[in-house]
Amino acid sequence: MIINLRNIPSGRSVIVQDVAMTESQNEGAGLQGTVSCRAEVDRIQFQIHLTVFYQCLVEQECSRCLTHNARRIKGRFRVLLQDREGARRCGSVDEESVDFFFSEEDTEIDIRQSLYDEIMTALPLMPLCSVDCRGIQNEELNANSERSENLDPRWEALKRLKEGRKE
């Protein structure tokens, strides 16, 4: 999400954008298309407070059955932008709580990396296609289980012992 600093008025405003992530970010997260973002913006003196709500479609591989599935990811995060010179003039520079600094010469700030980081932390570590996923289903294994009933006749005595009957 690219924030145009010149277009943000004092007070409260809203920015709506469809964000195109970089190619490496799309591949790393499995993003499908753009990320829809809505930012609630509060500009107070030399600070800009953003609350960003995002929604995107992500393709992931099920960790049990290895099928590819698309899932919708939603979330929100906060970002604090601060004019470095304005903060120094007022005497309040809290650099640890500020996410991005800007100067009067800057026209835009790109917060796509913060957005990408939030999306990555929202993704499940072990994604499943469904809660009751049974994993990889192999027809050949199922066919082998039917063949196991036709055992070698030499094992019949052992099978009878196991079942507890003597003939």
N, C-alpha and C. Protein backbone atom coordinates (compact mmCIF):
# COMPACT_ATOMS: atom_id res chain seq x y z
N MET A 1 0.86 -1.16 0.00
CA MET A 1 0.00 0.00 0.00
C MET A 1 0.91 1.22 0.00
N ILE A 2 0.67 2.07 -0.95
CA ILE A 2 1.48 3.28 -1.05
C ILE A 2 0.63 4.45 -0.55
N ILE A 3 1.13 5.11 0.47
CA ILE A 3 0.43 6.23 1.09
C ILE A 3 0.96 7.52 0.49
N ASN A 4 0.08 8.29 -0.13
CA ASN A 4 0.45 9.60 -0.67
C ASN A 4 0.31 10.62 0.45
N LEU A 5 1.42 11.09 0.96
CA LEU A 5 1.43 11.99 2.12
C LEU A 5 0.79 13.34 1.82
N ARG A 6 0.86 13.78 0.59
CA ARG A 6 0.32 15.10 0.21
C ARG A 6 -1.21 15.12 0.20
N ASN A 7 -1.84 13.96 0.01
CA ASN A 7 -3.29 13.90 -0.09
C ASN A 7 -4.00 13.62 1.23
N ILE A 8 -3.25 13.48 2.31
CA ILE A 8 -3.88 13.18 3.60
C ILE A 8 -4.19 14.48 4.33
N PRO A 9 -5.47 14.76 4.54
CA PRO A 9 -5.83 15.99 5.25
C PRO A 9 -5.66 15.83 6.76
N SER A 10 -5.65 16.93 7.48
CA SER A 10 -5.63 16.86 8.94
C SER A 10 -6.94 16.27 9.41
N GLY A 11 -6.88 15.56 10.52
CA GLY A 11 -8.09 14.92 11.04
C GLY A 11 -8.22 13.50 10.52
N ARG A 12 -9.47 13.07 10.42
CA ARG A 12 -9.75 11.67 10.05
C ARG A 12 -10.12 11.56 8.58
N SER A 13 -9.61 10.50 7.94
CA SER A 13 -9.96 10.20 6.55
C SER A 13 -9.82 8.70 6.31
N VAL A 14 -10.22 8.27 5.12
CA VAL A 14 -10.17 6.85 4.76
C VAL A 14 -9.51 6.72 3.39
N ILE A 15 -8.64 5.73 3.27
CA ILE A 15 -7.99 5.42 2.00
C ILE A 15 -8.36 3.98 1.63
N VAL A 16 -8.82 3.78 0.40
CA VAL A 16 -9.16 2.45 -0.10
C VAL A 16 -8.28 2.18 -1.31
N GLN A 17 -7.57 1.03 -1.28
CA GLN A 17 -6.68 0.66 -2.39
C GLN A 17 -6.70 -0.84 -2.61
N ASP A 18 -6.54 -1.24 -3.86
CA ASP A 18 -6.22 -2.62 -4.19
C ASP A 18 -4.72 -2.64 -4.44
N VAL A 19 -4.00 -3.36 -3.60
CA VAL A 19 -2.54 -3.32 -3.60
C VAL A 19 -1.98 -4.49 -4.39
N ALA A 20 -1.13 -4.19 -5.34
CA ALA A 20 -0.40 -5.22 -6.08
C ALA A 20 0.95 -5.41 -5.38
N MET A 21 1.16 -6.59 -4.85
CA MET A 21 2.42 -6.89 -4.17
C MET A 21 3.50 -7.18 -5.21
N THR A 22 4.75 -7.23 -4.76
CA THR A 22 5.84 -7.54 -5.68
C THR A 22 5.75 -9.02 -6.08
N GLU A 23 6.44 -9.37 -7.14
CA GLU A 23 6.40 -10.74 -7.64
C GLU A 23 6.93 -11.73 -6.61
N SER A 24 8.01 -11.39 -5.93
CA SER A 24 8.57 -12.29 -4.92
C SER A 24 7.63 -12.44 -3.73
N GLN A 25 6.93 -11.37 -3.36
CA GLN A 25 5.96 -11.46 -2.27
C GLN A 25 4.78 -12.33 -2.68
N ASN A 26 4.31 -12.20 -3.92
CA ASN A 26 3.21 -13.04 -4.40
C ASN A 26 3.58 -14.51 -4.35
N GLU A 27 4.79 -14.85 -4.79
CA GLU A 27 5.23 -16.24 -4.78
C GLU A 27 5.44 -16.76 -3.37
N GLY A 28 6.02 -15.94 -2.51
CA GLY A 28 6.31 -16.38 -1.14
C GLY A 28 5.07 -16.69 -0.33
N ALA A 29 4.01 -15.92 -0.53
CA ALA A 29 2.78 -16.11 0.25
C ALA A 29 1.72 -16.89 -0.51
N GLY A 30 1.91 -17.09 -1.81
CA GLY A 30 0.88 -17.74 -2.62
C GLY A 30 -0.31 -16.83 -2.88
N LEU A 31 -0.07 -15.52 -2.93
CA LEU A 31 -1.15 -14.56 -3.12
C LEU A 31 -1.76 -14.71 -4.51
N GLN A 32 -3.07 -14.65 -4.56
CA GLN A 32 -3.82 -14.71 -5.81
C GLN A 32 -4.44 -13.35 -6.07
N GLY A 33 -3.90 -12.60 -7.00
CA GLY A 33 -4.44 -11.27 -7.31
C GLY A 33 -3.94 -10.21 -6.36
N THR A 34 -4.74 -9.16 -6.21
CA THR A 34 -4.35 -8.03 -5.38
C THR A 34 -4.87 -8.19 -3.96
N VAL A 35 -4.36 -7.36 -3.07
CA VAL A 35 -4.79 -7.33 -1.68
C VAL A 35 -5.69 -6.11 -1.52
N SER A 36 -6.93 -6.32 -1.10
CA SER A 36 -7.86 -5.21 -0.89
C SER A 36 -7.59 -4.60 0.47
N CYS A 37 -7.35 -3.30 0.50
CA CYS A 37 -7.01 -2.61 1.74
C CYS A 37 -7.92 -1.40 1.96
N ARG A 38 -8.24 -1.17 3.22
CA ARG A 38 -8.94 0.04 3.63
C ARG A 38 -8.21 0.55 4.86
N ALA A 39 -7.75 1.79 4.79
CA ALA A 39 -6.98 2.37 5.89
C ALA A 39 -7.77 3.53 6.50
N GLU A 40 -7.96 3.46 7.80
CA GLU A 40 -8.53 4.58 8.53
C GLU A 40 -7.36 5.43 8.99
N VAL A 41 -7.35 6.68 8.58
CA VAL A 41 -6.19 7.55 8.77
C VAL A 41 -6.55 8.68 9.74
N ASP A 42 -5.68 8.90 10.72
CA ASP A 42 -5.79 10.04 11.63
C ASP A 42 -4.50 10.82 11.54
N ARG A 43 -4.58 12.05 11.02
CA ARG A 43 -3.39 12.90 10.92
C ARG A 43 -3.49 13.95 12.02
N ILE A 44 -2.54 13.90 12.94
CA ILE A 44 -2.49 14.81 14.08
C ILE A 44 -1.10 15.42 14.12
N GLN A 45 -1.00 16.68 13.85
CA GLN A 45 0.26 17.43 13.81
C GLN A 45 1.28 16.73 12.93
N PHE A 46 2.32 16.16 13.52
CA PHE A 46 3.42 15.55 12.77
C PHE A 46 3.31 14.03 12.70
N GLN A 47 2.18 13.46 13.14
CA GLN A 47 2.01 12.01 13.12
C GLN A 47 0.81 11.63 12.26
N ILE A 48 0.94 10.48 11.63
CA ILE A 48 -0.16 9.89 10.86
C ILE A 48 -0.36 8.47 11.40
N HIS A 49 -1.54 8.24 11.97
CA HIS A 49 -1.90 6.93 12.51
C HIS A 49 -2.77 6.21 11.48
N LEU A 50 -2.35 5.01 11.10
CA LEU A 50 -3.11 4.22 10.14
C LEU A 50 -3.59 2.94 10.80
N THR A 51 -4.85 2.62 10.62
CA THR A 51 -5.37 1.29 10.95
C THR A 51 -5.77 0.68 9.62
N VAL A 52 -5.04 -0.34 9.20
CA VAL A 52 -5.22 -0.94 7.88
C VAL A 52 -5.97 -2.26 8.02
N PHE A 53 -7.07 -2.37 7.30
CA PHE A 53 -7.85 -3.61 7.21
C PHE A 53 -7.57 -4.20 5.83
N TYR A 54 -7.21 -5.47 5.79
CA TYR A 54 -6.87 -6.09 4.51
C TYR A 54 -7.61 -7.40 4.32
N GLN A 55 -7.71 -7.79 3.05
CA GLN A 55 -8.37 -9.04 2.68
C GLN A 55 -7.73 -9.51 1.38
N CYS A 56 -7.40 -10.80 1.32
CA CYS A 56 -6.78 -11.32 0.10
C CYS A 56 -7.07 -12.81 -0.03
N LEU A 57 -6.79 -13.33 -1.20
CA LEU A 57 -6.96 -14.74 -1.50
C LEU A 57 -5.57 -15.37 -1.61
N VAL A 58 -5.37 -16.47 -0.87
CA VAL A 58 -4.07 -17.13 -0.81
C VAL A 58 -4.25 -18.60 -1.18
N GLU A 59 -3.36 -19.11 -2.02
CA GLU A 59 -3.38 -20.52 -2.35
C GLU A 59 -2.31 -21.22 -1.52
N GLN A 60 -2.73 -22.27 -0.80
CA GLN A 60 -1.80 -23.05 0.02
C GLN A 60 -2.00 -24.53 -0.24
N GLU A 61 -0.98 -25.30 0.10
CA GLU A 61 -1.03 -26.74 -0.05
C GLU A 61 -1.43 -27.36 1.28
N CYS A 62 -2.42 -28.25 1.26
CA CYS A 62 -2.84 -28.95 2.47
C CYS A 62 -1.67 -29.78 3.00
N SER A 63 -1.42 -29.69 4.28
CA SER A 63 -0.27 -30.40 4.85
C SER A 63 -0.53 -31.90 5.01
N ARG A 64 -1.77 -32.35 4.82
CA ARG A 64 -2.06 -33.78 4.92
C ARG A 64 -2.20 -34.45 3.56
N CYS A 65 -3.04 -33.88 2.70
CA CYS A 65 -3.31 -34.54 1.42
C CYS A 65 -2.59 -33.89 0.24
N LEU A 66 -1.91 -32.80 0.47
CA LEU A 66 -1.09 -32.11 -0.52
C LEU A 66 -1.86 -31.52 -1.70
N THR A 67 -3.16 -31.29 -1.53
CA THR A 67 -3.93 -30.61 -2.57
C THR A 67 -3.81 -29.11 -2.37
N HIS A 68 -3.93 -28.37 -3.48
CA HIS A 68 -3.86 -26.91 -3.42
C HIS A 68 -5.26 -26.36 -3.21
N ASN A 69 -5.38 -25.45 -2.24
CA ASN A 69 -6.67 -24.86 -1.91
C ASN A 69 -6.52 -23.36 -1.74
N ALA A 70 -7.54 -22.63 -2.14
CA ALA A 70 -7.54 -21.18 -1.96
C ALA A 70 -8.32 -20.85 -0.69
N ARG A 71 -7.81 -19.91 0.07
CA ARG A 71 -8.50 -19.47 1.28
C ARG A 71 -8.41 -17.96 1.37
N ARG A 72 -9.43 -17.37 1.97
CA ARG A 72 -9.48 -15.93 2.14
C ARG A 72 -8.86 -15.58 3.49
N ILE A 73 -7.93 -14.64 3.46
CA ILE A 73 -7.26 -14.17 4.67
C ILE A 73 -7.71 -12.74 4.93
N LYS A 74 -8.10 -12.46 6.17
CA LYS A 74 -8.50 -11.11 6.57
C LYS A 74 -7.71 -10.74 7.81
N GLY A 75 -7.50 -9.45 7.98
CA GLY A 75 -6.81 -9.00 9.18
C GLY A 75 -6.73 -7.49 9.24
N ARG A 76 -6.07 -7.04 10.29
CA ARG A 76 -5.86 -5.60 10.45
C ARG A 76 -4.57 -5.38 11.21
N PHE A 77 -3.99 -4.22 11.01
CA PHE A 77 -2.78 -3.85 11.75
C PHE A 77 -2.69 -2.34 11.80
N ARG A 78 -1.85 -1.85 12.69
CA ARG A 78 -1.68 -0.41 12.87
C ARG A 78 -0.27 -0.01 12.46
N VAL A 79 -0.19 1.18 11.88
CA VAL A 79 1.10 1.73 11.44
C VAL A 79 1.15 3.17 11.89
N LEU A 80 2.30 3.58 12.41
CA LEU A 80 2.51 4.96 12.82
C LEU A 80 3.58 5.58 11.94
N LEU A 81 3.20 6.66 11.24
CA LEU A 81 4.12 7.43 10.41
C LEU A 81 4.39 8.75 11.12
N GLN A 82 5.62 9.21 11.07
CA GLN A 82 5.96 10.44 11.79
C GLN A 82 6.92 11.30 10.98
N ASP A 83 6.64 12.60 10.98
CA ASP A 83 7.54 13.59 10.38
C ASP A 83 8.71 13.78 11.34
N ARG A 84 9.89 13.41 10.90
CA ARG A 84 11.07 13.45 11.77
C ARG A 84 11.37 14.87 12.26
N GLU A 85 11.34 15.84 11.37
CA GLU A 85 11.66 17.23 11.75
C GLU A 85 10.57 17.83 12.64
N GLY A 86 9.32 17.54 12.33
CA GLY A 86 8.22 18.06 13.14
C GLY A 86 8.28 17.53 14.56
N ALA A 87 8.65 16.29 14.71
CA ALA A 87 8.76 15.70 16.04
C ALA A 87 9.90 16.33 16.82
N ARG A 88 11.00 16.62 16.15
CA ARG A 88 12.14 17.26 16.83
C ARG A 88 11.79 18.67 17.28
N ARG A 89 11.05 19.40 16.45
CA ARG A 89 10.66 20.76 16.82
C ARG A 89 9.76 20.77 18.05
N CYS A 90 8.89 19.78 18.15
CA CYS A 90 7.99 19.70 19.30
C CYS A 90 8.65 19.03 20.50
N GLY A 91 9.79 18.41 20.28
CA GLY A 91 10.53 17.78 21.37
C GLY A 91 10.03 16.40 21.75
N SER A 92 9.25 15.76 20.90
CA SER A 92 8.76 14.42 21.24
C SER A 92 9.12 13.44 20.12
N VAL A 93 10.24 12.79 20.28
CA VAL A 93 10.67 11.79 19.31
C VAL A 93 10.75 10.45 20.04
N ASP A 94 9.76 9.60 19.79
CA ASP A 94 9.75 8.25 20.35
C ASP A 94 9.98 7.29 19.19
N GLU A 95 11.25 7.09 18.86
CA GLU A 95 11.60 6.34 17.66
C GLU A 95 11.21 4.87 17.72
N GLU A 96 11.07 4.31 18.90
CA GLU A 96 10.75 2.89 19.00
C GLU A 96 9.31 2.58 18.62
N SER A 97 8.40 3.51 18.82
CA SER A 97 7.00 3.24 18.49
C SER A 97 6.64 3.65 17.07
N VAL A 98 7.54 4.31 16.36
CA VAL A 98 7.27 4.77 15.00
C VAL A 98 7.69 3.69 14.01
N ASP A 99 6.79 3.40 13.06
CA ASP A 99 7.08 2.39 12.04
C ASP A 99 7.83 2.97 10.85
N PHE A 100 7.45 4.18 10.42
CA PHE A 100 8.09 4.83 9.28
C PHE A 100 8.25 6.31 9.58
N PHE A 101 9.41 6.85 9.22
CA PHE A 101 9.65 8.29 9.31
C PHE A 101 9.56 8.88 7.91
N PHE A 102 9.12 10.13 7.83
CA PHE A 102 9.11 10.84 6.56
C PHE A 102 9.57 12.27 6.79
N SER A 103 9.93 12.92 5.70
CA SER A 103 10.34 14.32 5.77
C SER A 103 9.39 15.14 4.90
N GLU A 104 9.56 16.44 4.91
CA GLU A 104 8.68 17.30 4.12
C GLU A 104 8.88 17.09 2.62
N GLU A 105 10.05 16.59 2.22
CA GLU A 105 10.31 16.35 0.81
C GLU A 105 9.64 15.07 0.30
N ASP A 106 9.34 14.15 1.20
CA ASP A 106 8.74 12.87 0.79
C ASP A 106 7.29 13.09 0.36
N THR A 107 6.92 12.41 -0.72
CA THR A 107 5.54 12.49 -1.19
C THR A 107 4.78 11.20 -0.93
N GLU A 108 5.50 10.06 -0.87
CA GLU A 108 4.85 8.77 -0.68
C GLU A 108 5.64 7.91 0.29
N ILE A 109 4.91 7.02 0.96
CA ILE A 109 5.54 5.99 1.79
C ILE A 109 4.92 4.66 1.40
N ASP A 110 5.77 3.68 1.13
CA ASP A 110 5.34 2.35 0.72
C ASP A 110 5.32 1.45 1.95
N ILE A 111 4.13 0.99 2.36
CA ILE A 111 4.02 0.12 3.53
C ILE A 111 3.70 -1.32 3.11
N ARG A 112 4.00 -1.68 1.86
CA ARG A 112 3.72 -3.03 1.39
C ARG A 112 4.46 -4.10 2.18
N GLN A 113 5.68 -3.81 2.63
CA GLN A 113 6.42 -4.82 3.40
C GLN A 113 5.72 -5.11 4.72
N SER A 114 5.19 -4.08 5.37
CA SER A 114 4.43 -4.30 6.61
C SER A 114 3.16 -5.11 6.33
N LEU A 115 2.50 -4.81 5.23
CA LEU A 115 1.31 -5.56 4.83
C LEU A 115 1.66 -7.02 4.57
N TYR A 116 2.74 -7.25 3.86
CA TYR A 116 3.20 -8.62 3.57
C TYR A 116 3.51 -9.37 4.87
N ASP A 117 4.20 -8.71 5.79
CA ASP A 117 4.53 -9.34 7.07
C ASP A 117 3.27 -9.74 7.83
N GLU A 118 2.26 -8.90 7.80
CA GLU A 118 1.00 -9.21 8.48
C GLU A 118 0.29 -10.38 7.83
N ILE A 119 0.29 -10.43 6.51
CA ILE A 119 -0.33 -11.55 5.80
C ILE A 119 0.39 -12.85 6.14
N MET A 120 1.72 -12.82 6.15
CA MET A 120 2.49 -14.03 6.44
C MET A 120 2.24 -14.54 7.86
N THR A 121 2.07 -13.63 8.82
CA THR A 121 1.80 -14.09 10.19
C THR A 121 0.36 -14.57 10.35
N ALA A 122 -0.53 -14.19 9.43
CA ALA A 122 -1.92 -14.64 9.50
C ALA A 122 -2.11 -16.02 8.87
N LEU A 123 -1.15 -16.47 8.08
CA LEU A 123 -1.27 -17.77 7.43
C LEU A 123 -1.05 -18.90 8.43
N PRO A 124 -1.82 -19.98 8.34
CA PRO A 124 -1.59 -21.12 9.24
C PRO A 124 -0.28 -21.82 8.91
N LEU A 125 0.39 -22.32 9.94
CA LEU A 125 1.66 -23.02 9.73
C LEU A 125 1.44 -24.39 9.07
N MET A 126 0.36 -25.06 9.44
CA MET A 126 0.02 -26.37 8.87
C MET A 126 -1.37 -26.26 8.25
N PRO A 127 -1.48 -25.71 7.05
CA PRO A 127 -2.81 -25.52 6.45
C PRO A 127 -3.48 -26.84 6.12
N LEU A 128 -4.79 -26.88 6.31
CA LEU A 128 -5.59 -28.05 5.98
C LEU A 128 -6.68 -27.66 5.00
N CYS A 129 -7.02 -28.56 4.08
CA CYS A 129 -8.11 -28.26 3.15
C CYS A 129 -9.44 -28.31 3.87
N SER A 130 -9.56 -29.15 4.88
CA SER A 130 -10.74 -29.20 5.75
C SER A 130 -10.32 -29.80 7.08
N VAL A 131 -11.14 -29.60 8.09
CA VAL A 131 -10.80 -30.08 9.42
C VAL A 131 -10.72 -31.61 9.45
N ASP A 132 -11.56 -32.27 8.67
CA ASP A 132 -11.59 -33.73 8.68
C ASP A 132 -10.81 -34.36 7.52
N CYS A 133 -9.79 -33.67 7.04
CA CYS A 133 -8.96 -34.19 5.95
C CYS A 133 -8.29 -35.50 6.40
N ARG A 134 -8.40 -36.54 5.58
CA ARG A 134 -7.86 -37.85 5.95
C ARG A 134 -6.45 -38.07 5.43
N GLY A 135 -5.92 -37.10 4.72
CA GLY A 135 -4.57 -37.25 4.20
C GLY A 135 -4.56 -37.85 2.81
N ILE A 136 -3.42 -38.32 2.40
CA ILE A 136 -3.27 -38.88 1.05
C ILE A 136 -4.04 -40.19 0.97
N GLN A 137 -4.92 -40.29 -0.01
CA GLN A 137 -5.70 -41.50 -0.24
C GLN A 137 -5.13 -42.18 -1.48
N ASN A 138 -4.56 -43.34 -1.28
CA ASN A 138 -3.92 -44.06 -2.38
C ASN A 138 -4.77 -45.27 -2.74
N GLU A 139 -5.28 -45.30 -3.96
CA GLU A 139 -6.13 -46.41 -4.40
C GLU A 139 -5.34 -47.72 -4.42
N GLU A 140 -4.05 -47.64 -4.72
CA GLU A 140 -3.23 -48.84 -4.77
C GLU A 140 -3.11 -49.47 -3.39
N LEU A 141 -3.01 -48.65 -2.35
CA LEU A 141 -2.96 -49.19 -0.99
C LEU A 141 -4.27 -49.87 -0.64
N ASN A 142 -5.38 -49.26 -1.03
CA ASN A 142 -6.68 -49.86 -0.75
C ASN A 142 -6.83 -51.19 -1.49
N ALA A 143 -6.33 -51.28 -2.71
CA ALA A 143 -6.39 -52.53 -3.47
C ALA A 143 -5.52 -53.59 -2.81
N ASN A 144 -4.37 -53.21 -2.25
CA ASN A 144 -3.49 -54.15 -1.56
C ASN A 144 -4.15 -54.71 -0.31
N SER A 145 -4.97 -53.92 0.36
CA SER A 145 -5.62 -54.42 1.57
C SER A 145 -6.60 -55.53 1.23
N GLU A 146 -7.22 -55.48 0.04
CA GLU A 146 -8.11 -56.56 -0.38
C GLU A 146 -7.30 -57.81 -0.70
N ARG A 147 -6.14 -57.65 -1.30
CA ARG A 147 -5.30 -58.78 -1.65
C ARG A 147 -4.71 -59.45 -0.42
N SER A 148 -4.58 -58.71 0.67
CA SER A 148 -3.98 -59.30 1.87
C SER A 148 -4.87 -60.39 2.45
N GLU A 149 -6.15 -60.41 2.09
CA GLU A 149 -7.03 -61.48 2.54
C GLU A 149 -6.68 -62.80 1.85
N ASN A 150 -6.09 -62.76 0.70
CA ASN A 150 -5.68 -63.96 -0.04
C ASN A 150 -4.24 -64.29 0.31
N LEU A 151 -4.03 -64.70 1.55
CA LEU A 151 -2.68 -64.98 2.02
C LEU A 151 -2.19 -66.34 1.55
N ASP A 152 -0.91 -66.52 1.64
CA ASP A 152 -0.27 -67.79 1.35
C ASP A 152 -0.85 -68.85 2.30
N PRO A 153 -1.26 -70.01 1.81
CA PRO A 153 -1.87 -71.04 2.67
C PRO A 153 -0.93 -71.55 3.77
N ARG A 154 0.36 -71.35 3.62
CA ARG A 154 1.29 -71.80 4.66
C ARG A 154 1.13 -70.99 5.94
N TRP A 155 0.54 -69.80 5.84
CA TRP A 155 0.35 -68.96 7.02
C TRP A 155 -0.99 -69.25 7.72
N GLU A 156 -1.78 -70.14 7.19
CA GLU A 156 -3.12 -70.41 7.74
C GLU A 156 -3.06 -70.90 9.19
N ALA A 157 -2.09 -71.75 9.52
CA ALA A 157 -1.98 -72.26 10.89
C ALA A 157 -1.69 -71.12 11.86
N LEU A 158 -0.83 -70.21 11.48
CA LEU A 158 -0.52 -69.06 12.33
C LEU A 158 -1.74 -68.15 12.48
N LYS A 159 -2.49 -68.01 11.42
CA LYS A 159 -3.69 -67.18 11.47
C LYS A 159 -4.71 -67.77 12.45
N ARG A 160 -4.85 -69.12 12.43
CA ARG A 160 -5.78 -69.78 13.35
C ARG A 160 -5.34 -69.59 14.80
N LEU A 161 -4.03 -69.68 15.05
CA LEU A 161 -3.52 -69.46 16.41
C LEU A 161 -3.84 -68.04 16.88
N LYS A 162 -3.67 -67.10 16.01
CA LYS A 162 -3.93 -65.70 16.35
C LYS A 162 -5.40 -65.49 16.68
N GLU A 163 -6.27 -66.13 15.93
CA GLU A 163 -7.70 -65.97 16.15
C GLU A 163 -8.18 -66.83 17.30
N GLY A 164 -7.35 -67.69 17.82
CA GLY A 164 -7.68 -68.48 19.00
C GLY A 164 -8.48 -69.73 18.71
N ARG A 165 -8.48 -70.23 17.52
CA ARG A 165 -9.21 -71.45 17.21
C ARG A 165 -8.24 -72.49 16.65
N LYS A 166 -8.45 -73.69 17.02
CA LYS A 166 -7.58 -74.77 16.54
C LYS A 166 -8.41 -75.72 15.70
N GLU A 167 -7.94 -76.06 14.56
CA GLU A 167 -8.65 -76.98 13.68
C GLU A 167 -7.78 -78.13 13.30
